[in-house]
Protein backbone atom coordinates (compact mmCIF):
# COMPACT_ATOMS: atom_id res chain seq x y z
CA MET A 1 46.81 -173.61 -59.81
CA ASP A 2 49.55 -171.12 -60.64
CA GLY A 3 50.39 -168.15 -58.42
CA VAL A 4 48.40 -165.66 -60.48
CA GLU A 5 45.25 -167.79 -60.37
CA VAL A 6 45.61 -168.36 -56.62
CA HIS A 7 46.03 -164.63 -56.07
CA LYS A 8 43.02 -163.86 -58.27
CA ALA A 9 40.84 -166.37 -56.43
CA GLN A 10 41.98 -165.05 -53.04
CA ASN A 11 41.16 -161.49 -54.08
CA ILE A 12 37.72 -162.58 -55.16
CA ALA A 13 37.18 -164.37 -51.85
CA LEU A 14 38.28 -161.29 -49.91
CA LYS A 15 35.90 -159.07 -51.89
CA ALA A 16 33.10 -161.50 -51.16
CA ALA A 17 33.80 -161.48 -47.45
CA ASP A 18 33.88 -157.69 -47.14
CA GLY A 19 31.51 -155.14 -48.48
CA PRO A 20 27.83 -154.73 -49.25
CA PRO A 21 25.59 -157.55 -50.54
CA ASP A 22 25.82 -156.29 -54.15
CA GLN A 23 29.59 -156.52 -54.06
CA HIS A 24 29.38 -159.91 -52.35
CA ALA A 25 27.12 -161.31 -55.08
CA HIS A 26 29.33 -159.89 -57.83
CA ALA A 27 32.49 -161.35 -56.27
CA ILE A 28 30.84 -164.74 -55.87
CA GLN A 29 29.78 -164.67 -59.54
CA GLN A 30 33.33 -163.76 -60.61
CA ALA A 31 34.71 -166.66 -58.59
CA LEU A 32 32.09 -169.00 -60.01
CA ASP A 33 32.88 -167.92 -63.57
CA LEU A 34 36.57 -168.61 -62.95
CA ALA A 35 35.82 -172.01 -61.41
CA VAL A 36 33.60 -172.98 -64.34
CA GLN A 37 36.37 -172.01 -66.80
CA HIS A 38 38.78 -174.29 -64.97
CA HIS A 39 36.19 -177.05 -64.71
CA SER A 40 35.37 -176.88 -68.43
CA SER A 41 39.07 -176.99 -69.30
CA GLY A 42 39.67 -180.08 -67.21
CA ARG A 43 41.62 -178.28 -64.48
CA LEU A 44 39.48 -179.90 -61.81
CA HIS A 45 41.81 -179.22 -58.90
CA ASN A 46 41.81 -175.51 -59.68
CA ALA A 47 38.03 -175.51 -59.96
CA GLU A 48 37.72 -177.38 -56.67
CA VAL A 49 39.83 -174.83 -54.83
CA ILE A 50 37.61 -172.00 -56.03
CA TYR A 51 34.36 -173.87 -55.39
CA ARG A 52 35.54 -174.44 -51.81
CA GLN A 53 36.37 -170.73 -51.44
CA ILE A 54 32.87 -169.86 -52.61
CA LEU A 55 31.42 -172.28 -50.09
CA GLN A 56 33.44 -170.68 -47.29
CA SER A 57 31.68 -167.44 -48.08
CA ASP A 58 28.27 -168.96 -48.90
CA PRO A 59 27.97 -172.53 -47.53
CA ALA A 60 24.68 -173.18 -49.31
CA HIS A 61 25.66 -171.87 -52.76
CA PRO A 62 23.78 -174.33 -55.02
CA VAL A 63 26.03 -174.20 -58.08
CA ALA A 64 29.26 -174.52 -56.10
CA LEU A 65 27.80 -177.42 -54.10
CA HIS A 66 26.58 -179.20 -57.21
CA SER A 67 29.75 -178.63 -59.19
CA LEU A 68 32.00 -179.71 -56.36
């Protein structure tokens, strides 16, 4: 994962950790969308990193768990 992608994923994770539930859900969806893009493009390591960040914020997230 390049520096820009790492920074983007970290920002998403921080947004998910702080703020109201609406913002949390939106940040999780953004992270999931990014992970799915990586996954679909064969960048599995990048997708894994983001799936794990999602699971840090929401340990029972069904899509992240399944995709990981």
